[in-house]
Amino acid sequence: MIAKQFQKKGILAKLLERGIRILLIKECKKISNLKIDILSSSAQIITGRIQKTNIFAENINYKDLLFDELELEANHLRLNLHLNDKELNLKDSPTVKFKISLSQNSLKTVLLSNSWNWIGNMVSKEILNQENLEDITIRNDELLMKAFGKDINLRQGEFINIKTDRGKVYLGIKNHSKFIQIPIEDKIYIEKIFIKNNLLNIIGISPISF
């Protein structure tokens, strides 16, 4: 998604990139290798228009959600820019395209964490018929989940299918017809989800505002 720079950056584009960098670092508990590329002339920025913005980052922790890689692309942004007080506000809640990638360790850490284990346990109960999710493995580009019940000796592992339909994400046991919907904010539309090179990749769109 990150486009090459075809022309020398203007001072306003550089200032906006710096402002977005400060905002993202403030919002995230952890973020590294952050690259921001604003493709717009100073004349366009002065009139409140940004042609294209690309953002790339690695090793992100945002509200205890872990992403190994994140790519964002936003086109034709309109903004209120107040240079005197350095305020920046977007108009019309623009839509951003995103791609996030999660490794086995990131996925396991999130779904077993205190903040998000309710999702993992929901999957365990409704798909694996066990009380709690115990382990998640990505093996040969397939997702394996293991759970346990009240009997500590009871263990069950199943390969899981992941699919999307009308912007929503569904999980189900491989070779079974039952799928459950994973809770996602209505404003987020998931276009594609797949595992490649043992990374879970999620591609979608979402409105943004700040």
Foldseek 3Di string as FASTA:
>chain_A
DDDDAPDDDDPVQVVVQVVVVVVQPVQWPDKPPKDKDFDDHPVQVVQFWTAKIKIKIAQTQGVNQTFGIKIKMFGTWGWDADPVVRDIWTPPQGKMKMKTKAAQVRVFSSCPDPVHVVLQQVCCCPAVVARGWDGWFQDPFWIKTKHHHPPNPDIDIFTKDWDDDQQWIWIHGPPDDDIDTRDDDPQWGWDDWGGDPRMIMTITMGGDTD
